[in-house]
Protein backbone atom coordinates (compact mmCIF):
# COMPACT_ATOMS: atom_id res chain seq x y z
CA MET A 1 7.79 1.91 11.81
CA ASN A 2 4.70 1.20 13.82
CA MET A 3 1.80 2.28 11.63
CA ALA A 4 -0.88 1.16 14.05
CA ARG A 5 -1.07 4.56 15.65
CA VAL A 6 -1.44 6.14 12.23
CA GLU A 7 -4.26 3.82 11.20
CA GLY A 8 -6.16 4.08 14.48
CA ARG A 9 -8.62 6.66 15.55
CA PRO A 10 -7.23 10.03 16.52
CA GLY A 11 -6.88 10.88 20.18
CA TRP A 12 -8.67 13.72 21.86
CA ARG A 13 -5.92 16.17 20.86
CA GLY A 14 -6.31 15.18 17.20
CA SER A 15 -10.09 15.46 17.42
CA LEU A 16 -9.80 18.88 19.06
CA LEU A 17 -7.38 20.06 16.37
CA LEU A 18 -9.69 18.80 13.63
CA ALA A 19 -12.66 20.59 15.21
CA ALA A 20 -10.63 23.80 15.40
CA LYS A 21 -9.75 23.51 11.70
CA VAL A 22 -13.39 22.92 10.74
CA ILE A 23 -14.53 25.92 12.77
CA PHE A 24 -11.76 28.08 11.29
CA SER A 25 -12.63 27.09 7.69
CA LEU A 26 -16.36 27.52 8.27
CA GLY A 27 -15.83 30.90 9.89
CA LEU A 28 -13.63 32.08 7.03
CA MET A 29 -16.16 30.99 4.40
CA ILE A 30 -19.01 32.74 6.23
CA PHE A 31 -16.90 35.88 6.55
CA LEU A 32 -15.99 35.81 2.83
CA PHE A 33 -19.57 35.21 1.67
CA ALA A 34 -20.71 38.15 3.78
CA ARG A 35 -18.29 40.41 1.92
CA ILE A 36 -18.95 39.14 -1.63
CA PRO A 37 -21.99 40.43 -3.55
CA LEU A 38 -23.90 37.30 -4.58
CA ALA A 39 -25.03 39.00 -7.81
CA GLU A 40 -21.40 39.44 -8.88
CA LEU A 41 -20.65 35.84 -7.95
CA GLY A 42 -23.57 34.65 -10.08
CA ALA A 43 -22.49 36.80 -13.01
CA THR A 44 -18.98 35.32 -12.89
CA LEU A 45 -20.29 31.77 -12.87
CA HIS A 46 -22.83 32.46 -15.62
CA GLY A 47 -20.18 32.96 -18.28
CA VAL A 48 -18.02 29.91 -17.50
CA SER A 49 -16.51 28.21 -20.56
CA PRO A 50 -16.67 24.39 -20.18
CA ALA A 51 -13.94 23.89 -22.81
CA TRP A 52 -11.37 25.81 -20.75
CA LEU A 53 -12.39 23.88 -17.62
CA VAL A 54 -11.85 20.60 -19.46
CA ALA A 55 -8.42 21.88 -20.56
CA ALA A 56 -7.60 22.77 -16.94
CA ALA A 57 -8.64 19.30 -15.78
CA GLY A 58 -6.53 17.75 -18.56
CA LEU A 59 -3.45 19.73 -17.54
CA LEU A 60 -3.96 18.82 -13.88
CA LEU A 61 -4.30 15.16 -14.84
CA ALA A 62 -1.05 15.39 -16.83
CA SER A 63 0.72 16.89 -13.80
CA ASN A 64 -0.62 14.02 -11.69
CA VAL A 65 0.77 11.50 -14.18
CA LEU A 66 4.17 13.19 -13.88
CA GLY A 67 3.84 13.24 -10.09
CA ALA A 68 3.04 9.51 -10.08
CA TRP A 69 6.13 8.84 -12.22
CA GLN A 70 8.18 10.80 -9.69
CA TRP A 71 6.85 8.62 -6.88
CA GLN A 72 7.59 5.47 -8.87
CA GLN A 73 11.26 6.48 -9.16
CA LEU A 74 11.39 6.88 -5.37
CA LEU A 75 9.79 3.47 -4.93
CA ARG A 76 12.38 1.90 -7.20
CA ALA A 77 15.16 3.57 -5.22
CA VAL A 78 14.18 1.43 -2.21
CA GLU A 79 13.55 -1.71 -4.30
CA ILE A 80 9.76 -1.46 -4.37
CA ARG A 81 8.87 -2.30 -7.95
CA ILE A 82 5.29 -1.69 -9.01
CA PRO A 83 3.94 -1.39 -12.59
CA PHE A 84 3.36 2.24 -13.50
CA TRP A 85 -0.37 1.81 -14.10
CA LYS A 86 -0.73 0.61 -10.51
CA VAL A 87 1.43 3.45 -9.16
CA LEU A 88 -0.77 5.88 -11.10
CA SER A 89 -3.95 4.37 -9.65
CA TYR A 90 -2.54 4.41 -6.10
CA TYR A 91 -1.46 8.03 -6.58
CA HIS A 92 -4.98 9.06 -7.58
CA VAL A 93 -6.53 7.10 -4.72
CA GLY A 94 -4.24 9.13 -2.46
CA LEU A 95 -5.41 12.38 -4.07
CA PHE A 96 -9.02 11.31 -3.61
CA PHE A 97 -8.57 10.69 0.11
CA ASN A 98 -6.59 13.92 0.50
CA ASN A 99 -9.60 15.82 -0.83
CA PHE A 100 -12.35 13.89 0.96
CA LEU A 101 -10.85 13.04 4.33
CA PRO A 102 -10.80 15.71 7.05
CA ALA A 103 -6.97 15.75 7.13
CA ASN A 104 -5.03 16.27 3.92
CA VAL A 105 -2.51 13.55 4.76
CA GLY A 106 -5.04 10.71 4.68
CA GLY A 107 -4.16 10.00 1.08
CA ASP A 108 -0.49 9.66 2.00
CA PHE A 109 -1.29 6.79 4.34
CA ALA A 110 -3.47 5.19 1.67
CA ARG A 111 -0.44 5.27 -0.64
CA VAL A 112 1.73 3.76 2.10
CA LEU A 113 -0.67 0.86 2.60
CA ASP A 114 -0.92 0.18 -1.15
CA ALA A 115 2.82 0.38 -1.84
CA ALA A 116 3.77 -1.63 1.26
CA ARG A 117 2.21 -4.75 -0.26
CA TYR A 118 5.11 -4.80 -2.74
CA GLY A 119 7.94 -3.95 -0.34
CA PRO A 120 9.62 -5.19 2.81
CA SER A 121 7.65 -3.00 5.22
CA ARG A 122 5.27 -0.10 5.63
CA ALA A 123 8.14 2.01 6.93
CA THR A 124 9.94 1.56 3.60
CA ALA A 125 6.86 2.67 1.67
CA PHE A 126 6.38 5.53 4.15
CA SER A 127 9.90 6.77 3.42
CA THR A 128 9.03 7.16 -0.29
CA VAL A 129 5.94 9.21 0.52
CA ILE A 130 7.99 11.42 2.85
CA MET A 131 10.54 11.98 0.08
CA ASP A 132 7.76 12.68 -2.42
CA ARG A 133 6.26 15.29 -0.09
CA LEU A 134 9.69 16.76 0.57
CA LEU A 135 10.41 17.16 -3.14
CA GLY A 136 7.07 18.90 -3.69
CA THR A 137 7.55 21.23 -0.72
CA LEU A 138 11.11 22.11 -1.73
CA ALA A 139 10.07 22.75 -5.34
CA LEU A 140 7.14 24.93 -4.24
CA ALA A 141 9.26 26.89 -1.74
CA GLY A 142 12.05 27.48 -4.27
CA LEU A 143 9.63 28.48 -7.02
CA ALA A 144 7.81 30.88 -4.69
CA LEU A 145 11.11 32.43 -3.62
CA VAL A 146 12.09 33.16 -7.23
CA THR A 147 8.76 34.10 -8.80
CA THR A 148 7.78 36.56 -6.05
CA LEU A 149 10.92 38.68 -6.45
CA PRO A 150 9.09 41.07 -8.84
CA ALA A 151 6.67 41.83 -6.01
CA PHE A 152 9.27 44.17 -4.52
CA ARG A 153 8.98 46.30 -7.64
CA ASP A 154 5.21 46.08 -8.11
CA PHE A 155 3.78 46.08 -4.58
CA HIS A 156 4.47 47.62 -1.20
CA GLN A 157 2.08 45.56 0.90
CA VAL A 158 0.31 42.18 0.78
CA GLY A 159 -2.79 41.88 2.95
CA GLY A 160 -1.70 44.84 5.06
CA LEU A 161 1.78 43.41 5.67
CA PRO A 162 4.95 44.96 4.22
CA ILE A 163 6.16 42.99 1.21
CA SER A 164 9.51 42.55 2.94
CA ALA A 165 7.78 40.73 5.83
CA VAL A 166 5.91 38.45 3.42
CA TYR A 167 9.12 37.65 1.57
CA LEU A 168 10.89 36.99 4.85
CA ALA A 169 8.19 34.43 5.67
CA LEU A 170 8.84 32.80 2.29
CA VAL A 171 12.55 32.67 3.06
CA GLY A 172 11.68 30.95 6.34
CA PHE A 173 9.48 28.42 4.53
CA PHE A 174 12.28 27.71 2.05
CA ALA A 175 14.84 27.39 4.86
CA LEU A 176 12.57 24.90 6.65
CA SER A 177 12.25 22.86 3.44
CA VAL A 178 16.02 22.85 2.93
CA GLY A 179 16.47 21.92 6.58
CA LEU A 180 14.21 18.89 6.16
CA ALA A 181 16.19 17.80 3.10
CA TRP A 182 19.44 18.32 5.03
CA PHE A 183 18.10 16.12 7.84
CA VAL A 184 17.36 13.30 5.39
CA PHE A 185 20.83 13.37 3.88
CA HIS A 186 22.70 13.93 7.17
CA PRO A 187 21.75 11.16 9.64
CA ALA A 188 24.13 12.58 12.23
CA LEU A 189 21.38 15.09 13.03
CA LEU A 190 19.05 12.30 14.18
CA PRO A 191 20.52 11.99 17.73
CA ALA A 192 20.07 15.74 18.25
CA LEU A 193 16.41 15.47 17.21
CA GLU A 194 15.90 12.49 19.50
CA ARG A 195 17.42 14.40 22.44
CA LEU A 196 15.10 17.32 21.73
CA LEU A 197 12.06 15.01 21.64
CA SER A 198 13.15 13.44 24.94
CA ARG A 199 13.32 16.85 26.58
CA LEU A 200 9.82 17.57 25.30
CA GLY A 201 8.55 14.33 26.77
CA LEU A 202 8.24 12.66 23.35
CA GLY A 203 11.00 10.10 23.72
CA GLY A 204 8.57 7.35 22.72
CA PHE A 205 9.05 8.39 19.09
CA LYS A 206 12.72 7.29 19.16
CA PRO A 207 12.19 3.69 17.90
CA ALA A 208 9.99 4.91 15.05
CA LEU A 209 12.52 7.59 14.11
CA ASP A 210 15.36 5.08 14.14
CA ASP A 211 13.39 2.74 11.90
CA LEU A 212 12.46 5.53 9.48
CA ALA A 213 16.05 6.81 9.40
CA GLY A 214 17.19 3.36 8.36
CA ARG A 215 14.65 3.30 5.52
CA LEU A 216 15.73 6.75 4.33
CA GLN A 217 19.31 5.48 4.11
CA GLY A 218 18.50 4.18 0.63
CA PHE A 219 18.13 7.75 -0.64
CA ARG A 220 21.37 9.12 0.81
CA ASP A 221 23.49 7.37 -1.80
CA GLN A 222 21.30 8.64 -4.65
CA ARG A 223 21.59 12.40 -4.41
CA GLY A 224 21.70 12.67 -8.18
CA LEU A 225 18.26 11.06 -8.32
CA PHE A 226 17.02 13.58 -5.76
CA VAL A 227 18.24 16.51 -7.89
CA ARG A 228 16.66 15.10 -11.06
CA LEU A 229 13.36 14.47 -9.33
CA LEU A 230 13.47 17.96 -7.83
CA ALA A 231 13.51 19.30 -11.40
CA VAL A 232 10.49 17.11 -12.17
CA ALA A 233 8.73 18.46 -9.07
CA VAL A 234 9.30 22.02 -10.30
CA VAL A 235 7.67 21.10 -13.64
CA VAL A 236 4.70 19.67 -11.72
CA GLN A 237 4.34 22.93 -9.77
CA VAL A 238 4.56 25.01 -12.96
CA ALA A 239 1.84 22.85 -14.54
CA ARG A 240 -0.39 23.51 -11.57
CA ILE A 241 0.12 27.23 -12.04
CA GLY A 242 -1.04 26.59 -15.60
CA VAL A 243 -4.24 25.06 -14.21
CA HIS A 244 -5.01 28.39 -12.54
CA VAL A 245 -4.38 30.15 -15.85
CA LEU A 246 -6.84 27.91 -17.70
CA VAL A 247 -9.51 28.25 -15.00
CA ALA A 248 -9.14 32.04 -15.21
CA ARG A 249 -9.70 31.81 -18.97
CA ALA A 250 -12.78 29.68 -18.32
CA LEU A 251 -14.15 32.44 -16.08
CA GLY A 252 -13.33 35.14 -18.64
CA LEU A 253 -10.64 36.76 -16.47
CA ASP A 254 -8.02 38.47 -18.60
CA LEU A 255 -4.84 38.51 -16.51
CA ARG A 256 -1.23 38.62 -17.60
CA LEU A 257 0.60 35.31 -17.32
CA GLN A 258 3.29 36.79 -15.10
CA TYR A 259 0.72 37.53 -12.40
CA PHE A 260 -0.03 33.83 -12.01
CA PHE A 261 3.65 32.99 -11.61
CA LEU A 262 3.88 35.81 -9.11
CA LEU A 263 0.81 35.00 -7.02
CA VAL A 264 -0.04 31.29 -7.29
CA PRO A 265 3.14 29.98 -5.57
CA LEU A 266 2.57 32.47 -2.76
CA LEU A 267 -1.04 31.28 -2.55
CA ALA A 268 0.07 27.62 -2.49
CA VAL A 269 2.41 28.32 0.43
CA ALA A 270 -0.47 29.92 2.37
CA VAL A 271 -2.77 26.96 1.66
CA SER A 272 -0.09 24.49 2.81
CA LEU A 273 -0.25 25.90 6.36
CA PRO A 274 -2.07 23.36 8.59
CA VAL A 275 -4.62 25.81 9.98
CA SER A 276 -7.79 24.88 8.08
CA LEU A 277 -9.78 21.95 6.75
CA ASN A 278 -7.93 21.00 3.55
CA GLY A 279 -7.22 24.68 2.82
CA ILE A 280 -10.91 25.60 2.56
CA GLY A 281 -11.41 29.26 3.36
CA VAL A 282 -7.68 30.02 3.43
CA ARG A 283 -7.44 29.31 -0.30
CA GLU A 284 -10.30 31.64 -1.15
CA GLY A 285 -9.37 34.35 1.34
CA ALA A 286 -5.73 34.42 0.28
CA GLY A 287 -6.86 34.45 -3.35
CA ILE A 288 -9.01 37.54 -2.73
CA VAL A 289 -6.09 39.33 -1.07
CA LEU A 290 -3.41 38.35 -3.59
CA PHE A 291 -5.38 38.68 -6.82
CA GLY A 292 -6.91 41.88 -5.48
CA LEU A 293 -3.39 43.34 -5.76
CA VAL A 294 -3.65 43.11 -9.55
CA GLY A 295 -7.17 44.48 -9.80
CA VAL A 296 -9.30 41.31 -9.58
CA GLY A 297 -12.59 41.83 -7.74
CA ARG A 298 -13.56 39.81 -4.69
CA ALA A 299 -16.22 37.75 -6.46
CA ASP A 300 -13.89 36.93 -9.37
CA ALA A 301 -10.96 36.05 -7.10
CA PHE A 302 -13.13 33.87 -4.87
CA THR A 303 -14.62 32.07 -7.87
CA LEU A 304 -11.18 31.55 -9.42
CA GLN A 305 -9.84 29.79 -6.34
CA PHE A 306 -12.95 27.80 -5.52
CA THR A 307 -13.38 26.65 -9.13
CA THR A 308 -9.72 25.60 -9.29
CA TYR A 309 -10.30 23.57 -6.13
CA LEU A 310 -13.41 21.96 -7.68
CA VAL A 311 -11.38 21.01 -10.78
CA ALA A 312 -8.85 19.31 -8.49
CA VAL A 313 -11.65 17.50 -6.66
CA ALA A 314 -13.19 16.39 -9.98
CA VAL A 315 -9.88 14.95 -11.20
CA SER A 316 -9.31 13.19 -7.88
CA LEU A 317 -12.64 11.39 -8.33
CA LEU A 318 -10.74 9.09 -10.68
CA GLY A 319 -9.04 7.77 -7.55
CA GLY A 320 -12.44 7.29 -5.94
CA LEU A 321 -13.57 5.19 -8.90
CA VAL A 322 -10.40 3.09 -8.66
CA PHE A 323 -10.99 2.59 -4.93
CA LEU A 324 -14.61 1.49 -5.47
CA ALA A 325 -13.68 -0.79 -8.37
CA ARG A 326 -11.08 -2.70 -6.38
CA ALA A 327 -13.09 -2.89 -3.13
CA PRO A 328 -14.97 -6.15 -3.97
CA ARG A 329 -11.74 -7.92 -4.97
CA ARG A 330 -10.00 -6.83 -1.76
CA ARG A 331 -12.94 -7.91 0.39
CA ALA A 332 -12.88 -11.31 -1.32
CA ALA A 333 -9.12 -11.61 -0.70
CA ALA A 334 -9.62 -10.69 2.97
CA ARG A 335 -12.32 -13.36 3.36
CA GLN A 336 -10.02 -15.93 1.77
CA ILE A 337 -7.25 -15.06 4.22
CA ARG A 338 -9.64 -15.41 7.17
CA ARG A 339 -10.80 -18.84 5.94
CA SER A 340 -7.27 -20.11 5.50
CA SER A 341 -6.06 -18.85 8.91
């Protein structure tokens, strides 16, 4: 796959889309702050328990270790063999860039570039990141579909929408996830996709799709591995629900555990929509709506979501430290290559 386009600067359409996301996130945050009493926000933050925040960060770190192990199994499936400590460091560098670059896929490309040094091509490494993302999306969609079933009994509306409409949207999200998995394991669908792209004037993607399809071939004969790693991905998602629970305890919010399993997957699906800058604004606004259903005030719900995000950012700083630590060595290696060429 030609990664040059990925690594280059975005075109005017990409820049326009990024600007729209920034404006949308900024507008949402201004709107939310205008509706949240600052005194209540300060009172919530005043009683934060550092010990519970450390526990939340520890649980998130543990879920990241499990997520890195999941990625390593995918790398091995395509004969890219990297020591686990390096996979773990690359995984956290990816998380760091996801949180600090304007698009939340920047870390994925960082992982591709790191892993590709041990494999036959960047397209091969890219296929593992696609599968890793697919597993996470499928696990999240399936978990949300199951854990939100009690909402039919407890609620009639979510954010002004009938609960049936919200659940139908979840079904659509799950169907899309299953469809993506079906595409990976059924290459006969590739020609149909290529014909559709040609009709849309995007036929230039055909060579890249053909190359990527060939790289994904390595996973089609390992469906058992896919099922096992899907179970791991579900555990990772459950752990990240637990992070919300621990942050709530840190803020002194006394909520029943079942509410987190009911609301957090739904919240995660909303944040995954590519309409904002790394979920900023959407995360907090959706949190106010969803946790408001179980009696949490606006200030508390906003603080819960924003603090959880800050915990994730703090943990991802480990990747930033790794990136800075290895930068001098990589610059030296690049200079050596230039001298020898």
